[in-house]
Amino acid sequence: MYLQILLTLLSLPNPTTPQSFSLIGDSNPTSSSLNFWFTTTPIPTTTTTTPSQSYTALQSFKSSITSDPTNLLSSWVGPNLCSYNGIFCSSTQTILSIDLNRAHLKGHLHPSLSLLHPSLSLLHLNSNSFSGDIPTSFSSLTYLTELDLSNNNLSGPFPTHLLSLPKLLYLDLRFNSFSGPLPFELFQTQIDAIFLNNNHFEGSLPISLWSSSASVINLANNHLSGPIPMTFAASPAIKELLFLNNNLTGCVPEGIGYLSDIQVLDLSFNSLTGRLPSMVSCLSGIEVLNVGHNRLSGVLPDIVCELKRLENLTVAYNFFSGFSGECGRLGYRNVGFDFEGNCMEGKDLQRPMVECVGVGESGLSCFRIPSARNVMCGGGGGGPPSLYERAGIADTKFKVSLGGLALKEWLDRLFSY
C-alpha cells in the first residue's frame, strides 16, 4: 500500500513547471465565464507567468474592450495564447510582447495585464481609443522595456507609478490628455526616450532635466511655462530636445553649449527673449536648430552659421536685426535657412519696421557675455558642479577670453562692484 502511495506522489506534476490546460464549455469565454481545470486548484507562486495567469490577463483585457471594429480580438479564443492576434511569445510559449497598434480598439486599460509581469517586455497599444488612466498595477510590470500608449484618450496626472519600472527605456504617452505638472523624478530614471508631446502638461520645467540620461525628450505642444532651467544644459546625453509650442519665457541659457552631442533642438513657438547665446556654436553635432516664433533679437552670430553639420536653421518671426557673411552663405552649403519675419533691414519678407522699434533693448537682462569669435568648447572634469557650472557658464566646459581675464575672475570682478 505504501509503495502505491509513493508511486502516486512521484507521478504528480512538478508545481514549478508551467502546466498546459484545456478549456471547458464556451468556445468564446469572457472573464465572467472562465472555466478551466485549475479554477479550484491553488496557483503556485513561480518566477514565470502560468498559463492560467496569462489567460486570465488576456481575457480580462478583452472583456474591457467596448468596440473592436476590425474584429481583431476574434482570434483570442482557446488555450493557444501565442496564436492570438498581436501576441508574441518566446520559444517556451511565454508572452513577451503585446502589439495592438492602430487596432482602433475602444475601452479602458484593464489592470489584469499586470499578471504578465514576469515576462512582458513590450506593450504597444498606440492609435486606439483607450480612455481613463493607466492602472497603478502596471508598476508590477518589472520586465517592461517599451511602453507605447500614444494617440489615445488617456487622461489624469502624469502616471508616476511607471517611473519605478526598473527596465523601462522607451515611454511614449504623446497625443493623449494627461495634465498637471511634470514630476521631478521623471528625469532621474534610466528611461532613454521620453515622448510626452501633445498633452496638457503645465507648470515649469523640472530642474532635474539637467541630469537626465535620456537621448530623446519631446515635450512639445503642452502648456509648460517659465524659463528654461540654466542647468538643463548639463545633459550631454541628449540627442533630440523639443520644447516647441509651449509658454516658455526668459532667455536661451548660455549653458546650452553643454549639449555637445545634440542633433535636433527645437525651441520654436514660445516667448523666449534676448540674444541667441554664442555658446550655440558649441553644438558641434547639431543638424536642426529651430528658434522661430519667439522674441529673440540682436544680430544672428556668424559662429552659429558656421556649425559644420547644420542642415536646417530656422530663426523666422523673431526680432533679429541682421546677419553677416557666414549666414548668407548657408544656401551654398545646401543648408535650409528661414529668416523671414524679422527686423533685417534690406531683406525680403521682414516685419514692418514700426514693430521693431525698441525691441531688444531689454536683452541685457539675459546677462550675455560679450564674446564674438573667441568661444572655445572643451571637456570638463568630474566632481560636483560649481556655482558657475550650475549657472551654465562654467569655464570648465567653456573657456572664454574676456580682455585677458579668466571667466571666474571676470565674474568675480563684475559682482564685486
Protein backbone atom coordinates (compact mmCIF):
# COMPACT_ATOMS: atom_id res chain seq x y z
CA MET A 1 0.00 0.00 0.00
CA TYR A 2 2.79 2.41 0.93
CA LEU A 3 4.52 1.63 -2.34
CA GLN A 4 1.36 2.54 -4.23
CA ILE A 5 1.09 5.90 -2.41
CA LEU A 6 4.75 6.65 -3.12
CA LEU A 7 4.33 5.91 -6.83
CA THR A 8 1.26 8.16 -6.89
CA LEU A 9 3.18 11.06 -5.33
CA LEU A 10 6.07 10.64 -7.74
CA SER A 11 3.69 10.83 -10.68
CA LEU A 12 2.36 14.28 -9.70
CA PRO A 13 3.48 17.20 -11.92
CA ASN A 14 6.26 19.46 -10.76
CA PRO A 15 4.50 22.54 -9.26
CA THR A 16 7.22 24.90 -10.51
CA THR A 17 6.72 23.89 -14.15
CA PRO A 18 4.07 25.78 -16.17
CA GLN A 19 1.24 23.41 -16.97
CA SER A 20 -0.93 23.22 -20.05
CA PHE A 21 -4.67 23.43 -19.63
CA SER A 22 -7.86 22.85 -21.52
CA LEU A 23 -10.99 24.94 -21.65
CA ILE A 24 -14.40 23.53 -20.95
CA GLY A 25 -17.64 24.93 -22.24
CA ASP A 26 -17.98 28.25 -24.07
CA SER A 27 -15.69 28.49 -27.09
CA ASN A 28 -15.55 32.28 -26.67
CA PRO A 29 -15.22 32.82 -22.92
CA THR A 30 -15.21 36.14 -21.14
CA SER A 31 -13.71 36.97 -17.77
CA SER A 32 -17.04 36.09 -16.13
CA SER A 33 -17.28 32.67 -17.74
CA LEU A 34 -13.76 31.28 -17.44
CA ASN A 35 -13.98 27.60 -16.62
CA PHE A 36 -10.84 25.53 -16.70
CA TRP A 37 -9.40 22.82 -14.54
CA PHE A 38 -7.28 24.96 -12.24
CA THR A 39 -10.11 27.20 -11.03
CA THR A 40 -10.32 25.06 -7.92
CA THR A 41 -6.57 24.47 -7.65
CA PRO A 42 -4.29 26.99 -5.88
CA ILE A 43 -1.89 28.58 -8.39
CA PRO A 44 1.68 28.12 -7.15
CA THR A 45 3.97 31.10 -6.74
CA THR A 46 6.53 30.97 -9.57
CA THR A 47 9.03 33.22 -11.28
CA THR A 48 7.19 32.88 -14.60
CA THR A 49 3.64 33.60 -15.64
CA THR A 50 1.49 30.48 -15.51
CA PRO A 51 -0.86 29.71 -18.41
CA SER A 52 -3.80 30.43 -16.14
CA GLN A 53 -2.49 33.89 -15.26
CA SER A 54 -1.77 34.72 -18.89
CA TYR A 55 -5.19 33.52 -19.99
CA THR A 56 -6.92 35.49 -17.23
CA ALA A 57 -4.93 38.61 -18.13
CA LEU A 58 -5.80 38.49 -21.83
CA GLN A 59 -9.45 37.54 -21.42
CA SER A 60 -10.00 40.24 -18.78
CA PHE A 61 -8.41 42.76 -21.12
CA LYS A 62 -10.64 41.54 -23.95
CA SER A 63 -13.75 41.87 -21.78
CA SER A 64 -12.93 45.55 -21.13
CA ILE A 65 -12.99 46.36 -24.87
CA THR A 66 -16.26 48.04 -25.82
CA SER A 67 -15.56 48.37 -29.54
CA ASP A 68 -13.44 46.25 -31.89
CA PRO A 69 -14.40 47.46 -35.39
CA THR A 70 -11.81 45.33 -37.20
CA ASN A 71 -12.71 42.21 -35.18
CA LEU A 72 -9.06 41.87 -34.27
CA LEU A 73 -9.72 40.09 -30.99
CA SER A 74 -11.89 37.39 -32.56
CA SER A 75 -8.81 35.17 -32.54
CA TRP A 76 -8.50 35.46 -28.77
CA VAL A 77 -10.20 32.12 -28.12
CA GLY A 78 -8.85 28.94 -26.63
CA PRO A 79 -5.72 27.90 -24.78
CA ASN A 80 -3.17 28.64 -27.51
CA LEU A 81 -2.45 32.20 -26.40
CA CYS A 82 0.51 32.57 -28.73
CA SER A 83 -1.83 32.27 -31.73
CA TYR A 84 -3.82 35.34 -30.65
CA ASN A 85 -3.53 38.39 -32.92
CA GLY A 86 -0.98 40.83 -31.53
CA ILE A 87 0.55 38.39 -29.04
CA PHE A 88 4.20 37.43 -29.45
CA CYS A 89 5.79 34.63 -27.46
CA SER A 90 9.15 33.09 -26.72
CA SER A 91 10.18 29.59 -27.77
CA THR A 92 8.83 28.40 -24.42
CA GLN A 93 5.38 29.88 -25.15
CA THR A 94 5.82 32.73 -22.67
CA ILE A 95 4.20 36.03 -23.68
CA LEU A 96 6.93 38.58 -24.38
CA SER A 97 5.07 41.38 -26.14
CA ILE A 98 1.64 42.72 -26.99
CA ASP A 99 1.34 44.83 -30.13
CA LEU A 100 -2.16 46.14 -30.87
CA ASN A 101 -1.11 49.37 -32.55
CA ARG A 102 -3.68 51.03 -34.81
CA ALA A 103 -6.34 48.43 -33.98
CA HIS A 104 -9.00 51.13 -33.31
CA LEU A 105 -9.98 49.44 -30.06
CA LYS A 106 -12.13 51.32 -27.58
CA GLY A 107 -12.29 50.72 -23.86
CA HIS A 108 -10.03 51.12 -20.86
CA LEU A 109 -6.72 49.60 -19.81
CA HIS A 110 -7.56 46.60 -17.65
CA PRO A 111 -5.36 46.11 -14.56
CA SER A 112 -5.17 42.39 -15.33
CA LEU A 113 -2.33 42.99 -17.80
CA SER A 114 -0.09 43.28 -14.75
CA LEU A 115 -0.45 39.50 -14.34
CA LEU A 116 2.05 39.24 -17.20
CA HIS A 117 4.72 40.89 -15.05
CA PRO A 118 7.31 38.08 -15.06
CA SER A 119 7.71 38.11 -18.83
CA LEU A 120 6.12 41.05 -20.66
CA SER A 121 8.79 43.23 -22.25
CA LEU A 122 6.90 45.30 -24.85
CA LEU A 123 3.40 46.77 -24.59
CA HIS A 124 2.35 48.70 -27.69
CA LEU A 125 -1.24 50.00 -27.75
CA ASN A 126 -0.89 53.20 -29.75
CA SER A 127 -3.52 54.69 -32.05
CA ASN A 128 -6.58 53.27 -30.34
CA SER A 129 -9.33 54.90 -28.26
CA PHE A 130 -8.42 53.82 -24.75
CA SER A 131 -9.68 56.23 -22.09
CA GLY A 132 -9.28 56.73 -18.37
CA ASP A 133 -5.99 56.46 -16.55
CA ILE A 134 -3.11 54.00 -16.52
CA PRO A 135 -3.71 51.38 -13.80
CA THR A 136 -1.32 51.57 -10.87
CA SER A 137 -0.92 47.80 -11.14
CA PHE A 138 1.22 48.42 -14.24
CA SER A 139 4.03 49.25 -11.81
CA SER A 140 4.47 45.49 -11.34
CA LEU A 141 5.50 45.00 -15.00
CA THR A 142 9.11 44.91 -13.92
CA TYR A 143 10.45 43.44 -17.18
CA LEU A 144 8.81 46.07 -19.37
CA THR A 145 11.29 47.90 -21.60
CA GLU A 146 8.90 49.66 -24.01
CA LEU A 147 5.52 51.21 -23.23
CA ASP A 148 3.71 52.92 -26.10
CA LEU A 149 0.25 54.27 -25.24
CA SER A 150 0.38 57.20 -27.64
CA ASN A 151 -2.55 58.55 -29.62
CA ASN A 152 -5.35 57.51 -27.27
CA ASN A 153 -7.75 59.34 -24.95
CA LEU A 154 -5.95 58.66 -21.68
CA SER A 155 -6.10 61.34 -19.00
CA GLY A 156 -5.17 62.23 -15.45
CA PRO A 157 -1.89 63.38 -13.93
CA PHE A 158 1.43 62.01 -15.04
CA PRO A 159 1.47 58.29 -14.08
CA THR A 160 4.36 58.44 -11.61
CA HIS A 161 4.00 54.74 -10.79
CA LEU A 162 5.58 53.98 -14.17
CA LEU A 163 8.82 55.60 -13.03
CA SER A 164 9.50 52.67 -10.72
CA LEU A 165 9.78 50.24 -13.64
CA PRO A 166 13.45 49.26 -13.47
CA LYS A 167 13.95 48.23 -17.11
CA LEU A 168 11.80 50.82 -18.90
CA LEU A 169 13.75 52.53 -21.68
CA TYR A 170 11.02 53.82 -24.02
CA LEU A 171 8.00 55.76 -22.72
CA ASP A 172 5.54 57.16 -25.27
CA LEU A 173 2.44 58.94 -23.92
CA ARG A 174 2.10 61.58 -26.63
CA PHE A 175 -1.25 62.61 -28.12
CA ASN A 176 -3.33 61.99 -25.01
CA SER A 177 -4.95 64.28 -22.43
CA PHE A 178 -2.61 63.98 -19.46
CA SER A 179 -2.37 67.16 -17.39
CA GLY A 180 -0.71 68.73 -14.38
CA PRO A 181 2.99 69.24 -13.67
CA LEU A 182 5.86 67.06 -14.79
CA PRO A 183 7.30 65.19 -11.80
CA PHE A 184 10.82 65.93 -10.67
CA GLU A 185 11.59 62.20 -10.70
CA LEU A 186 10.84 61.86 -14.42
CA PHE A 187 14.35 62.89 -15.40
CA GLN A 188 16.08 60.83 -12.73
CA THR A 189 15.33 57.45 -14.28
CA GLN A 190 17.05 55.21 -16.80
CA ILE A 191 14.43 55.97 -19.49
CA ASP A 192 16.21 56.74 -22.77
CA ALA A 193 13.32 58.08 -24.88
CA ILE A 194 10.56 60.25 -23.36
CA PHE A 195 7.66 61.33 -25.59
CA LEU A 196 5.09 63.50 -23.77
CA ASN A 197 4.20 65.90 -26.56
CA ASN A 198 0.63 66.89 -27.38
CA ASN A 199 -0.85 66.62 -23.91
CA HIS A 200 -1.94 69.27 -21.39
CA PHE A 201 1.02 69.29 -19.03
CA GLU A 202 1.61 72.62 -17.32
CA GLY A 203 3.92 74.32 -14.86
CA SER A 204 7.65 74.81 -15.09
CA LEU A 205 10.33 72.53 -16.47
CA PRO A 206 11.79 70.49 -13.61
CA ILE A 207 15.35 71.49 -12.82
CA SER A 208 16.14 67.76 -12.75
CA LEU A 209 16.02 67.91 -16.55
CA TRP A 210 19.74 68.71 -16.49
CA SER A 211 20.60 65.31 -15.01
CA SER A 212 18.55 63.21 -17.42
CA SER A 213 20.29 60.32 -19.14
CA ALA A 214 17.66 60.31 -21.92
CA SER A 215 18.77 60.75 -25.52
CA VAL A 216 15.33 61.96 -26.72
CA ILE A 217 12.98 64.28 -24.81
CA ASN A 218 9.87 65.60 -26.56
CA LEU A 219 7.69 67.98 -24.52
CA ALA A 220 6.21 69.88 -27.48
CA ASN A 221 2.64 71.17 -27.65
CA ASN A 222 1.87 71.37 -23.95
CA HIS A 223 1.25 74.30 -21.59
CA LEU A 224 4.64 74.42 -19.89
CA SER A 225 5.71 77.88 -18.73
CA GLY A 226 8.52 79.81 -17.11
CA PRO A 227 12.20 79.85 -18.00
CA ILE A 228 14.37 77.04 -19.30
CA PRO A 229 16.46 75.95 -16.30
CA MET A 230 20.03 77.12 -16.75
CA THR A 231 21.24 73.74 -15.58
CA PHE A 232 19.33 71.73 -18.18
CA ALA A 233 22.31 72.04 -20.46
CA ALA A 234 24.42 69.75 -18.28
CA SER A 235 22.80 66.79 -20.07
CA PRO A 236 25.36 65.71 -22.67
CA ALA A 237 23.43 62.52 -23.47
CA ILE A 238 20.57 64.37 -25.17
CA LYS A 239 20.37 63.93 -28.95
CA GLU A 240 16.91 65.41 -29.56
CA LEU A 241 15.20 68.04 -27.40
CA LEU A 242 11.85 69.54 -28.40
CA PHE A 243 10.14 72.29 -26.38
CA LEU A 244 8.18 73.85 -29.23
CA ASN A 245 4.75 75.40 -28.75
CA ASN A 246 4.70 75.92 -25.01
CA ASN A 247 4.67 79.11 -22.96
CA LEU A 248 8.36 79.26 -22.08
CA THR A 249 9.80 82.69 -21.27
CA GLY A 250 13.14 84.24 -20.45
CA CYS A 251 16.44 83.70 -22.20
CA VAL A 252 18.03 80.83 -24.04
CA PRO A 253 20.59 79.86 -21.38
CA GLU A 254 24.30 80.21 -22.08
CA GLY A 255 24.79 76.68 -20.81
CA ILE A 256 23.07 75.32 -23.90
CA GLY A 257 26.55 74.58 -25.18
CA TYR A 258 26.78 71.63 -22.81
CA LEU A 259 24.62 69.73 -25.31
CA SER A 260 27.64 68.92 -27.41
CA ASP A 261 26.10 65.81 -29.00
CA ILE A 262 22.61 67.17 -29.66
CA GLN A 263 21.32 66.78 -33.21
CA VAL A 264 17.84 68.35 -33.03
CA LEU A 265 16.95 71.35 -30.85
CA ASP A 266 13.53 72.96 -31.28
CA LEU A 267 12.58 75.91 -29.06
CA SER A 268 10.12 77.46 -31.52
CA PHE A 269 6.70 78.94 -30.75
CA ASN A 270 7.47 80.16 -27.24
CA SER A 271 8.13 83.62 -25.80
CA LEU A 272 11.89 83.50 -25.37
CA THR A 273 13.67 86.85 -25.37
CA GLY A 274 17.15 88.34 -25.60
CA ARG A 275 20.02 87.42 -27.84
CA LEU A 276 20.91 83.96 -29.08
CA PRO A 277 23.92 82.96 -26.96
CA SER A 278 27.30 82.50 -28.59
CA MET A 279 27.55 79.15 -26.83
CA VAL A 280 25.21 77.76 -29.50
CA SER A 281 28.42 77.47 -31.52
CA CYS A 282 29.45 74.62 -29.20
CA LEU A 283 26.66 72.42 -30.57
CA SER A 284 29.06 70.66 -32.89
CA GLY A 285 26.66 67.83 -33.74
CA ILE A 286 23.56 69.97 -34.38
CA GLU A 287 21.67 69.24 -37.59
CA VAL A 288 18.35 71.01 -36.98
CA LEU A 289 18.12 74.21 -34.93
CA ASN A 290 14.74 75.94 -34.70
CA VAL A 291 14.21 79.03 -32.55
CA GLY A 292 11.50 80.53 -34.76
CA HIS A 293 8.41 82.34 -33.47
CA ASN A 294 9.92 83.81 -30.30
CA ARG A 295 11.03 87.33 -29.33
CA LEU A 296 14.76 86.89 -29.82
CA SER A 297 16.72 89.91 -31.00
CA GLY A 298 20.18 91.22 -31.87
CA VAL A 299 22.44 90.15 -34.70
CA LEU A 300 22.49 86.45 -35.53
CA PRO A 301 26.02 85.32 -34.62
CA ASP A 302 28.20 84.15 -37.50
CA ILE A 303 29.60 81.35 -35.36
CA VAL A 304 26.12 79.79 -35.26
CA CYS A 305 26.03 79.62 -39.05
CA GLU A 306 29.48 78.02 -39.12
CA LEU A 307 28.26 74.81 -37.47
CA LYS A 308 29.56 72.08 -39.77
CA ARG A 309 26.72 69.56 -39.53
CA LEU A 310 23.89 72.06 -39.76
CA GLU A 311 21.17 71.07 -42.21
CA ASN A 312 18.36 73.44 -41.24
CA LEU A 313 18.39 76.73 -39.32
CA THR A 314 15.11 78.49 -38.55
CA VAL A 315 15.07 81.90 -36.87
CA ALA A 316 11.85 83.15 -38.52
CA TYR A 317 9.43 85.51 -36.78
CA ASN A 318 11.71 86.94 -34.15
CA PHE A 319 13.27 90.40 -33.96
CA PHE A 320 16.78 89.72 -35.23
CA SER A 321 18.31 92.84 -36.74
CA GLY A 322 20.62 91.14 -39.20
CA PHE A 323 23.29 88.60 -40.00
CA SER A 324 26.65 88.76 -41.73
CA GLY A 325 28.71 86.80 -44.22
CA GLU A 326 28.69 83.22 -42.98
CA CYS A 327 24.91 83.09 -42.53
CA GLY A 328 24.47 84.49 -46.02
CA ARG A 329 26.45 81.57 -47.43
CA LEU A 330 24.27 78.85 -45.90
CA GLY A 331 22.42 78.44 -49.18
CA TYR A 332 25.64 77.47 -50.94
CA ARG A 333 26.07 74.70 -48.37
CA ASN A 334 22.53 73.43 -49.08
CA VAL A 335 21.52 74.36 -45.54
CA GLY A 336 17.90 75.42 -45.15
CA PHE A 337 17.80 78.94 -43.69
CA ASP A 338 14.48 80.60 -42.80
CA PHE A 339 14.86 84.16 -41.53
CA GLU A 340 11.61 85.80 -42.65
CA GLY A 341 9.51 87.90 -40.29
CA ASN A 342 12.42 89.60 -38.51
CA CYS A 343 13.77 93.15 -38.44
CA MET A 344 16.53 92.78 -41.02
CA GLU A 345 16.58 95.98 -42.99
CA GLY A 346 17.02 95.42 -46.71
CA LYS A 347 15.95 91.75 -46.57
CA ASP A 348 12.75 90.40 -48.08
CA LEU A 349 9.71 89.25 -46.09
CA GLN A 350 10.53 91.18 -42.92
CA ARG A 351 8.34 92.79 -40.29
CA PRO A 352 7.20 96.39 -40.71
CA MET A 353 9.97 98.43 -39.11
CA VAL A 354 7.47 100.06 -36.77
CA GLU A 355 7.17 96.69 -34.99
CA CYS A 356 10.93 96.63 -34.43
CA VAL A 357 11.32 99.94 -32.58
CA GLY A 358 12.58 99.40 -29.02
CA VAL A 359 12.64 95.62 -29.30
CA GLY A 360 15.78 94.02 -27.90
CA GLU A 361 16.71 96.85 -25.54
CA SER A 362 15.97 94.53 -22.62
CA GLY A 363 18.42 91.95 -23.91
CA LEU A 364 20.93 92.88 -21.19
CA SER A 365 18.69 91.10 -18.70
CA CYS A 366 19.92 87.84 -20.24
CA PHE A 367 23.42 88.61 -18.95
CA ARG A 368 25.18 87.76 -22.20
CA ILE A 369 28.96 87.59 -22.02
CA PRO A 370 30.17 89.93 -24.79
CA SER A 371 32.05 87.34 -26.83
CA ALA A 372 32.15 87.20 -30.60
CA ARG A 373 34.50 84.60 -32.09
CA ASN A 374 36.61 83.75 -29.04
CA VAL A 375 34.48 80.91 -27.69
CA MET A 376 36.31 77.62 -27.25
CA CYS A 377 34.39 74.47 -26.33
CA GLY A 378 36.09 71.76 -24.35
CA GLY A 379 35.51 68.86 -21.97
CA GLY A 380 35.09 69.25 -18.25
CA GLY A 381 36.36 67.32 -15.27
CA GLY A 382 34.48 65.23 -12.78
CA GLY A 383 33.07 66.18 -9.41
CA PRO A 384 30.02 68.19 -8.39
CA PRO A 385 29.14 71.31 -10.39
CA SER A 386 30.39 74.64 -9.10
CA LEU A 387 28.26 77.76 -8.83
CA TYR A 388 29.44 78.76 -12.29
CA GLU A 389 28.66 75.33 -13.72
CA ARG A 390 25.18 75.49 -12.23
CA ALA A 391 24.74 78.81 -13.97
CA GLY A 392 25.51 77.02 -17.21
CA ILE A 393 28.52 79.21 -17.99
CA ALA A 394 31.39 77.35 -16.34
CA ASP A 395 34.88 77.71 -17.75
CA THR A 396 35.45 74.01 -17.04
CA LYS A 397 33.24 73.49 -20.08
CA PHE A 398 33.77 76.75 -21.95
CA LYS A 399 36.91 78.88 -21.91
CA VAL A 400 36.18 82.43 -22.90
CA SER A 401 38.81 85.15 -23.19
CA LEU A 402 37.50 88.40 -21.76
CA GLY A 403 40.21 91.01 -22.07
CA GLY A 404 42.78 88.64 -20.63
CA LEU A 405 40.64 87.69 -17.64
CA ALA A 406 39.56 84.16 -16.85
CA LEU A 407 35.79 83.73 -16.75
CA LYS A 408 35.59 83.26 -12.98
CA GLU A 409 37.81 86.27 -12.37
CA TRP A 410 35.68 88.32 -14.74
CA LEU A 411 32.52 87.28 -12.91
CA ASP A 412 34.06 87.96 -9.51
CA ARG A 413 35.05 91.47 -10.55
CA LEU A 414 31.61 92.10 -12.03
CA PHE A 415 29.78 91.13 -8.85
CA SER A 416 32.24 92.97 -6.58
CA TYR A 417 31.02 96.37 -7.74
